Amino acid sequence: MRPRFLPVLLGAALSLPAAAQRVLLRENVANDTVAATFGPNRAYFSHVFVAYGLVLGPAAAPGAAVRYGRSAEVQLGLRNKWRLTQSAALGLDVRYARPVFHLAQHAQKTVPNATLHAREYLALPQAQAEGFLRLNYGRRGNAIGRYLDLLGGGGWVISSAHHYEDGAASGARKVQTAERGLTYVNRWSYSAGARLGSGRFALVGRRRFSDVFRATEGTRYPELPRWVLGLELSWL
C-alpha cells in the first residue's frame, strides 16, 4: 500500500512553491493621492513660521520718535500655499503679531503725552491675515526653493496698552504702570510688502498704510514709524 501514496505526496510537494508565490495584494504607491498633492512644491502645503522685525523709518514728527533697535514686531503664524504653476503660487497667512513701539524720551515728546519716563512703550497685539503671490525661481524638486512673495493684508488690534516705568518712589526701587484699552488707538491695520526667501529662511519688509492713532485725535498724536524689516524662520 505504501507505494500508492508516493505519487500523491510528490504532487502535493510540487504544488507548494506555486501556492507560496501567489500574489494576494497589489499596491501602487504612485496612486497615493495624499503624497501626490501635499508637499513643499506640490498642489497644497502648509507650515508654521515665526518672524522678528525691527521698526524702521521716520516718525511723522519729533513728538512720536521711537527708540530704534528696541522697537520691534514678533509674529507666530500658519502659512497656507496653493500652487498655480511651477513658477507661481497663491497663499494666505494667519498669525498673531505683537508690534511694540519704545518711545524716545526727550523734551519734544508728545506721544501719548509730554511726560518723560525711565522707560515707555506702546504694545498693540493683533490678529492678522495676509495674502501673497509667490514667484518661484531657480531649479528645485519637492522643496520650497527660492522665491519672491508680494504681500498684502490687514489685522485687528486685539488689545492696546501703554506701559511706562519710573524710578524709585515710596520705598520701591522702581514703579511700573500699564494703561490698557487705549481709546485713541485704531482697531484695524493694513499693510503691504515683500518677502525674499530660500528654503526655511526669508527676509521680509512691510509698510503700514493705516494710522496707529484715530483720525479724531487730530494733530495730538503724530504718526509712529511705518516700516518693519526682519527675518522669518519656517518649520517645514
Protein backbone atom coordinates (compact mmCIF):
# COMPACT_ATOMS: atom_id res chain seq x y z
CA MET A 1 0.00 0.00 0.00
CA ARG A 2 2.87 2.35 0.72
CA PRO A 3 3.96 2.85 -2.95
CA ARG A 4 0.46 4.04 -3.86
CA PHE A 5 0.90 7.17 -1.73
CA LEU A 6 4.20 8.28 -3.26
CA PRO A 7 2.67 9.97 -6.38
CA VAL A 8 0.18 11.80 -4.17
CA LEU A 9 2.88 13.08 -1.82
CA LEU A 10 5.11 14.14 -4.69
CA GLY A 11 2.25 16.06 -6.34
CA ALA A 12 1.45 17.89 -3.12
CA ALA A 13 5.11 18.81 -2.59
CA LEU A 14 5.44 20.19 -6.10
CA SER A 15 2.33 22.39 -5.67
CA LEU A 16 3.62 24.17 -2.50
CA PRO A 17 6.01 26.67 -4.21
CA ALA A 18 3.26 27.77 -6.61
CA ALA A 19 0.92 28.48 -3.69
CA ALA A 20 3.62 30.35 -1.78
CA GLN A 21 4.27 32.69 -4.71
CA ARG A 22 0.63 33.57 -5.30
CA VAL A 23 0.04 37.41 -5.19
CA LEU A 24 -2.63 38.17 -2.64
CA LEU A 25 -2.44 42.03 -2.68
CA ARG A 26 -1.09 44.56 -5.14
CA GLU A 27 -0.44 48.19 -4.14
CA ASN A 28 0.73 51.07 -6.33
CA VAL A 29 2.44 53.75 -4.20
CA ALA A 30 2.09 56.26 -7.03
CA ASN A 31 -1.68 56.17 -6.54
CA ASP A 32 -1.36 57.60 -3.02
CA THR A 33 -3.22 60.90 -3.51
CA VAL A 34 -2.00 62.42 -0.21
CA ALA A 35 1.68 62.08 -1.18
CA ALA A 36 0.94 63.44 -4.66
CA THR A 37 -0.92 66.60 -3.63
CA PHE A 38 0.65 67.73 -0.31
CA GLY A 39 4.23 68.95 -0.14
CA PRO A 40 6.51 72.00 -0.34
CA ASN A 41 6.28 72.11 -4.15
CA ARG A 42 3.00 70.30 -4.73
CA ALA A 43 -0.61 71.36 -5.09
CA TYR A 44 -1.02 72.37 -1.43
CA PHE A 45 1.29 72.96 1.51
CA SER A 46 1.04 74.50 5.00
CA HIS A 47 3.57 75.13 7.75
CA VAL A 48 4.20 77.16 10.91
CA PHE A 49 6.57 80.14 11.00
CA VAL A 50 7.98 82.74 13.39
CA ALA A 51 9.31 86.19 12.50
CA TYR A 52 11.07 89.10 14.16
CA GLY A 53 11.31 92.54 12.61
CA LEU A 54 12.68 95.93 13.62
CA VAL A 55 10.64 99.12 13.34
CA LEU A 56 12.29 101.49 10.85
CA GLY A 57 11.59 104.76 9.09
CA PRO A 58 10.95 108.26 10.40
CA ALA A 59 8.09 109.29 12.64
CA ALA A 60 5.68 111.94 11.37
CA ALA A 61 7.05 114.42 13.94
CA PRO A 62 9.70 114.52 16.69
CA GLY A 63 6.94 114.05 19.25
CA ALA A 64 6.44 110.45 18.05
CA ALA A 65 10.11 109.44 17.83
CA VAL A 66 10.92 105.86 18.89
CA ARG A 67 13.97 104.04 20.16
CA TYR A 68 15.29 102.10 17.16
CA GLY A 69 16.70 98.67 17.91
CA ARG A 70 14.20 98.12 20.72
CA SER A 71 11.00 98.90 18.81
CA ALA A 72 10.09 95.67 17.04
CA GLU A 73 7.38 93.21 15.99
CA VAL A 74 7.18 89.48 16.78
CA GLN A 75 4.96 87.10 14.79
CA LEU A 76 3.78 83.49 15.08
CA GLY A 77 1.59 82.10 12.32
CA LEU A 78 0.40 79.40 9.94
CA ARG A 79 1.09 79.67 6.19
CA ASN A 80 -1.08 78.03 3.52
CA LYS A 81 0.10 77.81 -0.11
CA TRP A 82 -1.67 76.67 -3.29
CA ARG A 83 0.44 76.06 -6.39
CA LEU A 84 -0.82 77.57 -9.64
CA THR A 85 2.10 76.60 -11.90
CA GLN A 86 5.72 75.52 -11.42
CA SER A 87 6.69 79.18 -11.13
CA ALA A 88 3.68 80.76 -9.34
CA ALA A 89 1.52 80.14 -6.27
CA LEU A 90 -1.06 81.87 -4.10
CA GLY A 91 -1.03 81.84 -0.32
CA LEU A 92 -2.65 83.03 2.88
CA ASP A 93 -1.04 83.61 6.28
CA VAL A 94 -2.97 83.77 9.56
CA ARG A 95 -0.89 84.91 12.51
CA TYR A 96 -0.54 86.59 15.87
CA ALA A 97 1.62 89.72 15.80
CA ARG A 98 2.82 91.96 18.62
CA PRO A 99 4.28 95.28 17.47
CA VAL A 100 5.91 97.31 20.24
CA PHE A 101 6.96 100.97 19.96
CA HIS A 102 9.51 102.09 22.56
CA LEU A 103 9.11 105.84 22.80
CA ALA A 104 12.12 108.16 22.83
CA GLN A 105 12.31 110.34 25.93
CA HIS A 106 13.13 113.96 25.14
CA ALA A 107 11.72 117.46 25.56
CA GLN A 108 9.74 117.33 22.28
CA LYS A 109 7.87 114.14 23.14
CA THR A 110 4.07 114.30 22.73
CA VAL A 111 3.00 110.62 22.30
CA PRO A 112 0.94 109.78 24.19
CA ASN A 113 1.77 112.80 26.38
CA ALA A 114 4.73 115.02 27.21
CA THR A 115 5.60 113.28 30.50
CA LEU A 116 9.06 111.72 30.50
CA HIS A 117 9.75 108.28 32.00
CA ALA A 118 12.70 105.97 32.55
CA ARG A 119 11.13 103.57 30.02
CA GLU A 120 7.92 103.79 27.98
CA TYR A 121 6.31 101.83 25.14
CA LEU A 122 3.05 101.12 23.33
CA ALA A 123 2.11 97.45 22.71
CA LEU A 124 -0.53 96.64 20.08
CA PRO A 125 -1.10 92.83 19.81
CA GLN A 126 -3.03 91.89 16.67
CA ALA A 127 -4.72 89.01 14.84
CA GLN A 128 -3.65 89.32 11.20
CA ALA A 129 -4.39 87.75 7.82
CA GLU A 130 -2.17 88.34 4.78
CA GLY A 131 -2.42 87.09 1.22
CA PHE A 132 0.56 86.69 -1.09
CA LEU A 133 1.52 85.94 -4.67
CA ARG A 134 4.64 83.75 -4.85
CA LEU A 135 7.03 83.82 -7.80
CA ASN A 136 9.47 80.89 -7.74
CA TYR A 137 12.84 80.92 -9.47
CA GLY A 138 15.73 78.51 -9.86
CA ARG A 139 15.80 74.71 -10.01
CA ARG A 140 14.21 72.70 -7.19
CA GLY A 141 12.50 69.38 -6.51
CA ASN A 142 9.77 68.89 -3.93
CA ALA A 143 11.17 71.75 -1.85
CA ILE A 144 10.38 75.40 -1.15
CA GLY A 145 13.41 76.61 -3.07
CA ARG A 146 13.99 80.32 -3.78
CA TYR A 147 11.08 82.71 -4.14
CA LEU A 148 9.72 86.24 -4.05
CA ASP A 149 6.37 86.94 -2.33
CA LEU A 150 4.27 90.06 -2.90
CA LEU A 151 2.29 90.72 0.30
CA GLY A 152 -0.90 92.50 1.26
CA GLY A 153 -3.11 92.14 4.32
CA GLY A 154 -4.55 93.57 7.49
CA GLY A 155 -5.25 92.93 11.13
CA TRP A 156 -7.46 93.62 14.12
CA VAL A 157 -5.92 95.09 17.25
CA ILE A 158 -6.78 92.59 19.99
CA SER A 159 -5.70 94.87 22.81
CA SER A 160 -3.72 98.05 23.36
CA ALA A 161 -1.51 99.04 26.27
CA HIS A 162 0.67 101.96 27.32
CA HIS A 163 3.47 100.77 29.63
CA TYR A 164 5.85 103.07 31.46
CA GLU A 165 8.39 102.76 34.22
CA ASP A 166 9.77 105.35 36.64
CA GLY A 167 12.48 105.43 39.26
CA ALA A 168 12.32 104.88 43.00
CA ALA A 169 9.29 106.16 44.89
CA SER A 170 7.79 105.47 48.32
CA GLY A 171 10.42 102.89 49.23
CA ALA A 172 10.29 101.00 45.89
CA ARG A 173 13.25 100.71 43.56
CA LYS A 174 11.01 101.27 40.51
CA VAL A 175 7.35 101.84 39.66
CA GLN A 176 5.72 100.18 36.66
CA THR A 177 2.34 101.27 35.27
CA ALA A 178 0.17 99.84 32.48
CA GLU A 179 -2.78 101.64 30.93
CA ARG A 180 -4.96 99.30 28.82
CA GLY A 181 -7.80 99.74 26.35
CA LEU A 182 -6.44 102.92 24.77
CA THR A 183 -9.32 104.87 23.20
CA TYR A 184 -7.02 106.87 20.91
CA VAL A 185 -5.76 103.75 19.03
CA ASN A 186 -7.27 102.45 15.77
CA ARG A 187 -8.72 98.93 15.92
CA TRP A 188 -7.77 97.99 12.33
CA SER A 189 -4.49 98.00 10.43
CA TYR A 190 -3.40 97.17 6.89
CA SER A 191 -0.04 96.91 5.14
CA ALA A 192 1.82 95.72 2.03
CA GLY A 193 5.31 94.42 1.45
CA ALA A 194 7.60 91.76 0.01
CA ARG A 195 9.35 88.62 1.18
CA LEU A 196 12.54 87.19 -0.35
CA GLY A 197 13.25 83.65 0.73
CA SER A 198 15.27 80.48 0.26
CA GLY A 199 14.10 77.30 1.96
CA ARG A 200 13.12 77.91 5.57
CA PHE A 201 14.67 81.42 5.81
CA ALA A 202 13.30 84.70 4.46
CA LEU A 203 13.91 88.45 4.60
CA VAL A 204 10.63 90.38 4.99
CA GLY A 205 9.80 94.07 4.64
CA ARG A 206 6.41 95.73 5.16
CA ARG A 207 4.97 99.23 5.15
CA ARG A 208 1.93 100.03 7.26
CA PHE A 209 -0.55 102.26 5.44
CA SER A 210 -3.06 102.57 8.27
CA ASP A 211 -2.56 105.01 11.14
CA VAL A 212 -1.94 103.80 14.68
CA PHE A 213 -3.97 106.67 16.12
CA ARG A 214 -7.58 107.61 15.39
CA ALA A 215 -8.16 110.49 12.98
CA THR A 216 -10.44 112.16 15.54
CA GLU A 217 -7.41 112.90 17.68
CA GLY A 218 -6.21 115.47 15.11
CA THR A 219 -2.60 116.54 15.46
CA ARG A 220 -2.38 115.49 19.09
CA TYR A 221 -0.75 112.19 18.14
CA PRO A 222 1.71 112.37 15.22
CA GLU A 223 2.11 109.04 13.43
CA LEU A 224 4.68 106.44 14.51
CA PRO A 225 7.22 104.93 12.03
CA ARG A 226 5.54 102.76 9.38
CA TRP A 227 8.26 100.31 8.24
CA VAL A 228 9.23 96.90 9.64
CA LEU A 229 12.18 94.88 8.32
CA GLY A 230 13.04 91.46 9.69
CA LEU A 231 13.79 87.76 9.36
CA GLU A 232 11.46 84.79 9.19
CA LEU A 233 12.03 81.12 10.08
CA SER A 234 9.68 78.37 8.88
CA TRP A 235 9.11 74.85 10.19
CA LEU A 236 8.86 72.79 7.01
